[in-house]
């Protein structure tokens, strides 16, 4: 009988044994990660100790490691940020006409714009419904402005401009 059909500790739910096995495997994998991290930490401490005691080869390895980490961090962070910005800009361009249409239809609040976008089936980049803050950030990225709340409450005769 396959493991998924067996009972596990009195449970007769098919798959319960398989779920238990997955938990065991996950715990073993976590333990192995901790072992590897410990060995790496110990080896690095040993290398640094040798470098501090004057071992030229160890000093060179530590210097190369530090330089490589700095370079990777600077390039990696810049590249990651640039990729996120590019993705957000590309998505914003796909929604810009919807925001302009909402403004053209007389919608002046962020909440109203969020409702408009949700009614028209427009989703955020992550596939969720729009909220007023999402609209605010998207509009700021596109340079589209909405009146502030105080301006929306003023009677028409007191509106600026």
N, C-alpha and C. Protein backbone atom coordinates (compact mmCIF):
# COMPACT_ATOMS: atom_id res chain seq x y z
N UNK A 1 0.86 -1.18 0.00
CA UNK A 1 0.00 0.00 0.00
C UNK A 1 0.90 1.24 0.00
N UNK A 2 0.62 2.24 -0.89
CA UNK A 2 1.46 3.44 -0.92
C UNK A 2 1.31 4.24 0.37
N UNK A 3 2.33 5.03 0.67
CA UNK A 3 2.36 5.80 1.93
C UNK A 3 1.18 6.75 2.04
N UNK A 4 0.70 7.29 0.91
CA UNK A 4 -0.40 8.25 0.98
C UNK A 4 -1.71 7.59 1.35
N UNK A 5 -1.80 6.25 1.25
CA UNK A 5 -3.03 5.55 1.58
C UNK A 5 -3.02 4.98 3.01
N UNK A 6 -1.88 4.96 3.65
CA UNK A 6 -1.78 4.39 5.00
C UNK A 6 -2.33 5.36 6.04
N UNK A 7 -2.66 4.83 7.17
CA UNK A 7 -3.08 5.70 8.26
C UNK A 7 -1.85 6.17 9.00
N UNK A 8 -1.94 7.33 9.59
CA UNK A 8 -0.79 7.92 10.29
C UNK A 8 -1.23 8.30 11.68
N UNK A 9 -0.83 7.54 12.67
CA UNK A 9 -1.14 7.88 14.05
C UNK A 9 -2.62 7.94 14.33
N UNK A 10 -3.40 7.10 13.71
CA UNK A 10 -4.82 7.10 13.95
C UNK A 10 -5.61 7.93 12.95
N UNK A 11 -4.95 8.76 12.13
CA UNK A 11 -5.69 9.53 11.12
C UNK A 11 -5.91 8.64 9.91
N UNK A 12 -7.08 8.67 9.40
CA UNK A 12 -7.33 7.86 8.20
C UNK A 12 -7.44 8.75 6.97
N UNK A 13 -7.06 10.00 7.09
CA UNK A 13 -7.13 10.92 5.95
C UNK A 13 -6.06 10.54 4.94
N UNK A 14 -6.45 10.28 3.67
CA UNK A 14 -5.43 9.98 2.68
C UNK A 14 -4.47 11.17 2.55
N UNK A 15 -3.21 10.88 2.50
CA UNK A 15 -2.23 11.93 2.35
C UNK A 15 -1.66 12.44 3.66
N UNK A 16 -2.23 12.05 4.79
CA UNK A 16 -1.73 12.53 6.08
C UNK A 16 -0.31 12.06 6.32
N UNK A 17 -0.04 10.79 5.94
CA UNK A 17 1.31 10.27 6.08
C UNK A 17 2.29 11.01 5.21
N UNK A 18 1.85 11.35 4.02
CA UNK A 18 2.71 12.09 3.09
C UNK A 18 3.00 13.49 3.65
N UNK A 19 2.01 14.13 4.23
CA UNK A 19 2.21 15.45 4.82
C UNK A 19 3.21 15.37 5.97
N UNK A 20 3.08 14.33 6.78
CA UNK A 20 4.02 14.13 7.89
C UNK A 20 5.44 13.96 7.36
N UNK A 21 5.58 13.17 6.28
CA UNK A 21 6.89 12.96 5.66
C UNK A 21 7.48 14.29 5.20
N UNK A 22 6.66 15.14 4.60
CA UNK A 22 7.14 16.43 4.12
C UNK A 22 7.66 17.27 5.28
N UNK A 23 6.99 17.22 6.42
CA UNK A 23 7.45 17.96 7.59
C UNK A 23 8.80 17.44 8.07
N UNK A 24 8.96 16.13 8.04
CA UNK A 24 10.24 15.53 8.45
C UNK A 24 11.34 15.98 7.49
N UNK A 25 11.07 15.92 6.18
CA UNK A 25 12.07 16.35 5.19
C UNK A 25 12.43 17.82 5.37
N UNK A 26 11.43 18.65 5.64
CA UNK A 26 11.69 20.08 5.84
C UNK A 26 12.56 20.30 7.07
N UNK A 27 12.29 19.56 8.13
CA UNK A 27 13.10 19.69 9.35
C UNK A 27 14.54 19.25 9.10
N UNK A 28 14.71 18.17 8.35
CA UNK A 28 16.06 17.71 8.02
C UNK A 28 16.79 18.72 7.14
N UNK A 29 16.09 19.30 6.19
CA UNK A 29 16.70 20.30 5.32
C UNK A 29 17.12 21.53 6.12
N UNK A 30 16.29 21.95 7.06
CA UNK A 30 16.64 23.09 7.92
C UNK A 30 17.87 22.77 8.75
N UNK A 31 17.93 21.56 9.28
CA UNK A 31 19.09 21.16 10.08
C UNK A 31 20.35 21.16 9.21
N UNK A 32 20.27 20.67 7.97
CA UNK A 32 21.43 20.67 7.08
C UNK A 32 21.87 22.09 6.76
N UNK A 33 20.91 23.00 6.53
CA UNK A 33 21.26 24.42 6.30
C UNK A 33 22.04 24.98 7.49
N UNK A 34 21.59 24.65 8.68
CA UNK A 34 22.28 25.14 9.89
C UNK A 34 23.68 24.55 10.00
N UNK A 35 23.84 23.26 9.65
CA UNK A 35 25.17 22.64 9.67
C UNK A 35 26.09 23.34 8.67
N UNK A 36 25.62 23.57 7.46
CA UNK A 36 26.43 24.22 6.43
C UNK A 36 26.81 25.63 6.87
N UNK A 37 25.83 26.37 7.41
CA UNK A 37 26.12 27.73 7.87
C UNK A 37 27.17 27.72 8.97
N UNK A 38 27.07 26.76 9.88
CA UNK A 38 28.05 26.65 10.96
C UNK A 38 29.45 26.35 10.44
N UNK A 39 29.54 25.40 9.49
CA UNK A 39 30.85 25.07 8.92
C UNK A 39 31.43 26.27 8.18
N UNK A 40 30.59 26.99 7.44
CA UNK A 40 31.05 28.16 6.71
C UNK A 40 31.54 29.23 7.68
N UNK A 41 30.77 29.48 8.73
CA UNK A 41 31.14 30.47 9.74
C UNK A 41 32.47 30.11 10.40
N UNK A 42 32.62 28.82 10.74
CA UNK A 42 33.86 28.36 11.38
C UNK A 42 35.06 28.50 10.44
N UNK A 43 34.88 28.14 9.17
CA UNK A 43 35.97 28.24 8.21
C UNK A 43 36.37 29.69 7.99
N UNK A 44 35.39 30.57 7.92
CA UNK A 44 35.69 31.99 7.73
C UNK A 44 36.40 32.56 8.95
N UNK A 45 35.98 32.16 10.14
CA UNK A 45 36.64 32.62 11.37
C UNK A 45 38.09 32.13 11.40
N UNK A 46 38.31 30.90 10.97
CA UNK A 46 39.65 30.35 10.93
C UNK A 46 40.52 31.12 9.93
N UNK A 47 39.96 31.42 8.76
CA UNK A 47 40.69 32.18 7.74
C UNK A 47 41.06 33.56 8.27
N UNK A 48 40.10 34.22 8.92
CA UNK A 48 40.38 35.56 9.46
C UNK A 48 41.43 35.51 10.56
N UNK A 49 41.38 34.47 11.38
CA UNK A 49 42.38 34.33 12.45
C UNK A 49 43.77 34.14 11.85
N UNK A 50 43.86 33.31 10.79
CA UNK A 50 45.16 33.12 10.13
C UNK A 50 45.65 34.43 9.51
N UNK A 51 44.70 35.19 8.92
CA UNK A 51 45.08 36.47 8.30
C UNK A 51 45.59 37.45 9.36
N UNK A 52 44.95 37.48 10.53
CA UNK A 52 45.37 38.39 11.60
C UNK A 52 46.72 37.98 12.19
N UNK A 53 47.03 36.69 12.10
CA UNK A 53 48.32 36.24 12.63
C UNK A 53 49.46 36.44 11.64
N UNK A 54 49.14 36.99 10.46
CA UNK A 54 50.20 37.34 9.52
C UNK A 54 50.33 36.43 8.32
N UNK A 55 49.47 35.45 8.14
CA UNK A 55 49.51 34.56 6.98
C UNK A 55 49.15 35.36 5.73
N UNK A 56 50.12 35.53 4.82
CA UNK A 56 49.93 36.36 3.63
C UNK A 56 48.85 35.80 2.71
N UNK A 57 48.83 34.48 2.56
CA UNK A 57 47.82 33.86 1.68
C UNK A 57 46.41 34.11 2.24
N UNK A 58 46.24 33.96 3.54
CA UNK A 58 44.94 34.19 4.17
C UNK A 58 44.55 35.66 4.06
N UNK A 59 45.52 36.56 4.22
CA UNK A 59 45.23 37.99 4.08
C UNK A 59 44.74 38.31 2.67
N UNK A 60 45.37 37.70 1.68
CA UNK A 60 44.96 37.93 0.29
C UNK A 60 43.55 37.40 0.05
N UNK A 61 43.23 36.23 0.61
CA UNK A 61 41.88 35.66 0.44
C UNK A 61 40.83 36.54 1.09
N UNK A 62 41.12 37.03 2.29
CA UNK A 62 40.17 37.90 2.99
C UNK A 62 39.97 39.20 2.20
N UNK A 63 41.06 39.77 1.68
CA UNK A 63 40.95 41.01 0.91
C UNK A 63 40.14 40.79 -0.36
N UNK A 64 40.39 39.66 -1.06
CA UNK A 64 39.61 39.36 -2.28
C UNK A 64 38.13 39.17 -1.96
N UNK A 65 37.88 38.46 -0.85
CA UNK A 65 36.48 38.22 -0.45
C UNK A 65 35.77 39.54 -0.15
N UNK A 66 36.41 40.39 0.63
CA UNK A 66 35.81 41.68 0.99
C UNK A 66 35.57 42.55 -0.23
N UNK A 67 36.54 42.61 -1.14
CA UNK A 67 36.39 43.41 -2.36
C UNK A 67 35.27 42.86 -3.23
N UNK A 68 35.22 41.54 -3.36
CA UNK A 68 34.17 40.92 -4.16
C UNK A 68 32.79 41.17 -3.58
N UNK A 69 32.68 41.08 -2.27
CA UNK A 69 31.37 41.33 -1.62
C UNK A 69 30.92 42.76 -1.82
N UNK A 70 31.87 43.71 -1.67
CA UNK A 70 31.51 45.12 -1.89
C UNK A 70 31.03 45.35 -3.31
N UNK A 71 31.79 44.83 -4.27
CA UNK A 71 31.45 45.02 -5.68
C UNK A 71 30.10 44.38 -6.01
N UNK A 72 29.88 43.16 -5.56
CA UNK A 72 28.62 42.47 -5.82
C UNK A 72 27.46 43.19 -5.18
N UNK A 73 27.66 43.68 -3.97
CA UNK A 73 26.57 44.38 -3.28
C UNK A 73 26.20 45.66 -4.02
N UNK A 74 27.20 46.42 -4.42
CA UNK A 74 26.92 47.68 -5.12
C UNK A 74 26.24 47.42 -6.46
N UNK A 75 26.79 46.52 -7.24
CA UNK A 75 26.22 46.22 -8.56
C UNK A 75 24.88 45.53 -8.43
N UNK A 76 24.80 44.58 -7.51
CA UNK A 76 23.56 43.83 -7.35
C UNK A 76 22.41 44.69 -6.88
N UNK A 77 22.67 45.55 -5.92
CA UNK A 77 21.61 46.41 -5.40
C UNK A 77 21.15 47.39 -6.46
N UNK A 78 22.10 48.00 -7.16
CA UNK A 78 21.74 48.93 -8.22
C UNK A 78 20.94 48.24 -9.30
N UNK A 79 21.39 47.05 -9.70
CA UNK A 79 20.69 46.31 -10.76
C UNK A 79 19.29 45.90 -10.30
N UNK A 80 19.17 45.47 -9.06
CA UNK A 80 17.86 45.06 -8.55
C UNK A 80 16.91 46.24 -8.49
N UNK A 81 17.39 47.37 -7.99
CA UNK A 81 16.55 48.57 -7.92
C UNK A 81 16.16 49.03 -9.32
N UNK A 82 17.10 49.02 -10.24
CA UNK A 82 16.82 49.43 -11.61
C UNK A 82 15.77 48.51 -12.25
N UNK A 83 15.84 47.22 -11.98
CA UNK A 83 14.86 46.29 -12.53
C UNK A 83 13.48 46.54 -11.96
N UNK A 84 13.40 46.80 -10.66
CA UNK A 84 12.10 47.08 -10.04
C UNK A 84 11.50 48.36 -10.60
N UNK A 85 12.33 49.39 -10.74
CA UNK A 85 11.85 50.67 -11.27
C UNK A 85 11.39 50.50 -12.71
N UNK A 86 12.14 49.76 -13.52
CA UNK A 86 11.76 49.54 -14.91
C UNK A 86 10.43 48.80 -15.01
N UNK A 87 10.24 47.80 -14.18
CA UNK A 87 8.99 47.05 -14.19
C UNK A 87 7.82 47.94 -13.78
N UNK A 88 8.02 48.74 -12.74
CA UNK A 88 6.96 49.64 -12.27
C UNK A 88 6.63 50.69 -13.32
N UNK A 89 7.64 51.24 -13.97
CA UNK A 89 7.41 52.24 -15.02
C UNK A 89 6.66 51.64 -16.20
N UNK A 90 7.03 50.43 -16.59
CA UNK A 90 6.35 49.77 -17.71
C UNK A 90 4.89 49.51 -17.37
N UNK A 91 4.63 49.05 -16.15
CA UNK A 91 3.24 48.81 -15.75
C UNK A 91 2.46 50.13 -15.72
N UNK A 92 3.08 51.18 -15.19
CA UNK A 92 2.40 52.47 -15.09
C UNK A 92 1.97 52.95 -16.47
N UNK A 93 2.79 52.72 -17.47
CA UNK A 93 2.44 53.14 -18.83
C UNK A 93 1.24 52.37 -19.37
N UNK A 94 1.01 51.16 -18.89
CA UNK A 94 -0.15 50.39 -19.36
C UNK A 94 -1.44 50.89 -18.73
N UNK A 95 -1.34 51.61 -17.62
CA UNK A 95 -2.52 52.06 -16.88
C UNK A 95 -2.78 53.56 -17.06
N UNK A 96 -1.85 54.28 -17.64
CA UNK A 96 -1.95 55.74 -17.71
C UNK A 96 -3.24 56.20 -18.39
N UNK A 97 -3.67 55.52 -19.45
CA UNK A 97 -4.89 55.95 -20.14
C UNK A 97 -6.13 55.76 -19.27
N UNK A 98 -6.14 54.74 -18.44
CA UNK A 98 -7.27 54.53 -17.52
C UNK A 98 -7.34 55.66 -16.49
N UNK A 99 -6.18 56.05 -15.96
CA UNK A 99 -6.16 57.16 -14.99
C UNK A 99 -6.61 58.46 -15.65
N UNK A 100 -6.15 58.72 -16.86
CA UNK A 100 -6.56 59.94 -17.56
C UNK A 100 -8.05 59.91 -17.86
N UNK A 101 -8.58 58.76 -18.20
CA UNK A 101 -10.01 58.64 -18.47
C UNK A 101 -10.82 58.92 -17.20
N UNK A 102 -10.34 58.43 -16.09
CA UNK A 102 -11.04 58.67 -14.82
C UNK A 102 -11.05 60.16 -14.52
N UNK A 103 -9.93 60.82 -14.71
CA UNK A 103 -9.86 62.28 -14.48
C UNK A 103 -10.78 63.00 -15.46
N UNK A 104 -10.81 62.58 -16.71
CA UNK A 104 -11.66 63.20 -17.73
C UNK A 104 -13.14 63.04 -17.37
N UNK A 105 -13.48 61.91 -16.75
CA UNK A 105 -14.86 61.66 -16.34
C UNK A 105 -15.23 62.42 -15.08
N UNK A 106 -14.33 63.25 -14.57
CA UNK A 106 -14.64 64.10 -13.44
C UNK A 106 -14.31 63.52 -12.08
N UNK A 107 -13.62 62.43 -12.04
CA UNK A 107 -13.25 61.83 -10.75
C UNK A 107 -12.08 62.61 -10.19
N UNK A 108 -12.26 63.12 -8.99
CA UNK A 108 -11.23 63.99 -8.40
C UNK A 108 -10.61 63.42 -7.13
N UNK A 109 -11.08 62.27 -6.66
CA UNK A 109 -10.52 61.71 -5.43
C UNK A 109 -9.77 60.41 -5.73
N UNK A 110 -8.84 60.11 -4.88
CA UNK A 110 -8.10 58.87 -5.04
C UNK A 110 -9.01 57.66 -4.84
N UNK A 111 -9.90 57.75 -3.87
CA UNK A 111 -10.84 56.65 -3.64
C UNK A 111 -11.77 56.47 -4.84
N UNK A 112 -12.23 57.57 -5.40
CA UNK A 112 -13.09 57.50 -6.58
C UNK A 112 -12.35 56.89 -7.77
N UNK A 113 -11.10 57.24 -7.91
CA UNK A 113 -10.30 56.69 -9.00
C UNK A 113 -10.07 55.20 -8.79
N UNK A 114 -9.81 54.80 -7.55
CA UNK A 114 -9.64 53.38 -7.26
C UNK A 114 -10.91 52.61 -7.61
N UNK A 115 -12.07 53.16 -7.23
CA UNK A 115 -13.34 52.52 -7.57
C UNK A 115 -13.52 52.43 -9.09
N UNK A 116 -13.17 53.50 -9.79
CA UNK A 116 -13.29 53.53 -11.26
C UNK A 116 -12.43 52.42 -11.88
N UNK A 117 -11.18 52.33 -11.45
CA UNK A 117 -10.29 51.32 -12.01
C UNK A 117 -10.79 49.91 -11.69
N UNK A 118 -11.28 49.70 -10.47
CA UNK A 118 -11.79 48.39 -10.10
C UNK A 118 -13.05 48.04 -10.88
N UNK A 119 -13.94 49.02 -11.09
CA UNK A 119 -15.16 48.78 -11.88
C UNK A 119 -14.83 48.40 -13.32
N UNK A 120 -13.74 48.97 -13.85
CA UNK A 120 -13.36 48.70 -15.23
C UNK A 120 -12.44 47.49 -15.36
N UNK A 121 -12.26 46.76 -14.29
CA UNK A 121 -11.49 45.51 -14.34
C UNK A 121 -9.98 45.68 -14.42
N UNK A 122 -9.49 46.88 -14.12
CA UNK A 122 -8.04 47.11 -14.13
C UNK A 122 -7.48 46.58 -12.82
N UNK A 123 -6.41 45.84 -12.88
CA UNK A 123 -5.78 45.28 -11.69
C UNK A 123 -4.42 45.92 -11.46
N UNK A 124 -3.95 45.87 -10.22
CA UNK A 124 -2.61 46.35 -9.92
C UNK A 124 -1.60 45.42 -10.59
N UNK A 125 -0.35 45.80 -10.54
CA UNK A 125 0.70 44.99 -11.15
C UNK A 125 0.73 43.59 -10.56
N UNK A 126 0.36 43.46 -9.31
CA UNK A 126 0.35 42.15 -8.66
C UNK A 126 -0.99 41.45 -8.76
N UNK A 127 -1.93 42.02 -9.50
CA UNK A 127 -3.21 41.37 -9.73
C UNK A 127 -4.27 41.64 -8.69
N UNK A 128 -4.06 42.62 -7.83
CA UNK A 128 -5.03 42.92 -6.77
C UNK A 128 -5.93 44.08 -7.20
N UNK A 129 -6.92 44.36 -6.38
CA UNK A 129 -7.79 45.51 -6.61
C UNK A 129 -7.06 46.79 -6.18
N UNK A 130 -7.43 47.89 -6.79
CA UNK A 130 -6.81 49.17 -6.45
C UNK A 130 -7.35 49.70 -5.14
N UNK A 131 -6.50 50.36 -4.38
CA UNK A 131 -6.86 51.09 -3.17
C UNK A 131 -6.43 52.53 -3.40
N UNK A 132 -6.96 53.46 -2.64
CA UNK A 132 -6.58 54.87 -2.85
C UNK A 132 -5.06 55.10 -2.79
N UNK A 133 -4.35 54.46 -1.87
CA UNK A 133 -2.90 54.66 -1.78
C UNK A 133 -2.19 54.12 -3.01
N UNK A 134 -2.70 53.02 -3.57
CA UNK A 134 -2.11 52.48 -4.79
C UNK A 134 -2.25 53.47 -5.93
N UNK A 135 -3.43 54.09 -6.02
CA UNK A 135 -3.67 55.09 -7.05
C UNK A 135 -2.76 56.29 -6.83
N UNK A 136 -2.60 56.71 -5.59
CA UNK A 136 -1.74 57.86 -5.29
C UNK A 136 -0.31 57.62 -5.76
N UNK A 137 0.23 56.43 -5.46
CA UNK A 137 1.61 56.12 -5.85
C UNK A 137 1.74 56.00 -7.36
N UNK A 138 0.76 55.39 -7.99
CA UNK A 138 0.79 55.25 -9.45
C UNK A 138 0.69 56.61 -10.13
N UNK A 139 -0.20 57.46 -9.65
CA UNK A 139 -0.36 58.80 -10.22
C UNK A 139 0.91 59.62 -10.03
N UNK A 140 1.54 59.50 -8.87
CA UNK A 140 2.79 60.23 -8.63
C UNK A 140 3.87 59.77 -9.60
N UNK A 141 3.94 58.48 -9.86
CA UNK A 141 4.93 57.95 -10.81
C UNK A 141 4.70 58.52 -12.20
N UNK A 142 3.42 58.74 -12.55
CA UNK A 142 3.08 59.22 -13.88
C UNK A 142 3.00 60.74 -13.97
N UNK A 143 3.09 61.42 -12.83
CA UNK A 143 2.99 62.88 -12.83
C UNK A 143 1.57 63.38 -12.96
N UNK A 144 0.60 62.55 -12.64
CA UNK A 144 -0.81 62.94 -12.68
C UNK A 144 -1.20 63.39 -11.28
N UNK A 145 -1.84 64.56 -11.18
CA UNK A 145 -2.18 65.08 -9.86
C UNK A 145 -3.67 64.98 -9.60
N UNK A 146 -3.99 64.82 -8.35
CA UNK A 146 -5.37 64.85 -7.87
C UNK A 146 -5.45 65.98 -6.86
N UNK A 147 -6.60 66.65 -6.78
CA UNK A 147 -6.72 67.72 -5.79
C UNK A 147 -6.56 67.15 -4.38
N UNK A 148 -5.98 67.94 -3.50
CA UNK A 148 -5.88 67.52 -2.11
C UNK A 148 -7.28 67.51 -1.50
N UNK A 149 -7.44 66.82 -0.39
CA UNK A 149 -8.75 66.71 0.25
C UNK A 149 -9.34 68.07 0.59
N UNK A 150 -8.48 68.97 1.08
CA UNK A 150 -8.98 70.29 1.48
C UNK A 150 -9.57 71.01 0.27
N UNK A 151 -8.94 70.86 -0.89
CA UNK A 151 -9.43 71.53 -2.09
C UNK A 151 -10.74 70.91 -2.56
N UNK A 152 -10.94 69.62 -2.31
CA UNK A 152 -12.17 68.96 -2.75
C UNK A 152 -13.37 69.41 -1.92
N UNK A 153 -13.14 69.84 -0.68
CA UNK A 153 -14.25 70.22 0.20
C UNK A 153 -14.67 71.68 0.01
N UNK A 154 -13.85 72.48 -0.66
CA UNK A 154 -14.19 73.89 -0.84
C UNK A 154 -15.38 74.04 -1.77
N UNK A 155 -16.27 74.98 -1.50
CA UNK A 155 -17.34 75.24 -2.46
C UNK A 155 -16.72 75.74 -3.77
N UNK A 156 -17.45 75.60 -4.85
CA UNK A 156 -16.93 75.97 -6.17
C UNK A 156 -16.45 77.41 -6.23
N UNK A 157 -17.17 78.35 -5.57
CA UNK A 157 -16.77 79.75 -5.65
C UNK A 157 -15.43 80.02 -4.96
N UNK A 158 -15.02 79.13 -4.00
CA UNK A 158 -13.78 79.32 -3.28
C UNK A 158 -12.61 78.53 -3.87
N UNK A 159 -12.86 77.76 -4.94
CA UNK A 159 -11.80 76.95 -5.54
C UNK A 159 -10.73 77.85 -6.12
N UNK A 160 -9.46 77.50 -5.92
CA UNK A 160 -8.38 78.28 -6.52
C UNK A 160 -8.38 78.16 -8.04
N UNK A 161 -7.99 79.23 -8.70
CA UNK A 161 -7.81 79.23 -10.16
C UNK A 161 -9.07 79.29 -10.85
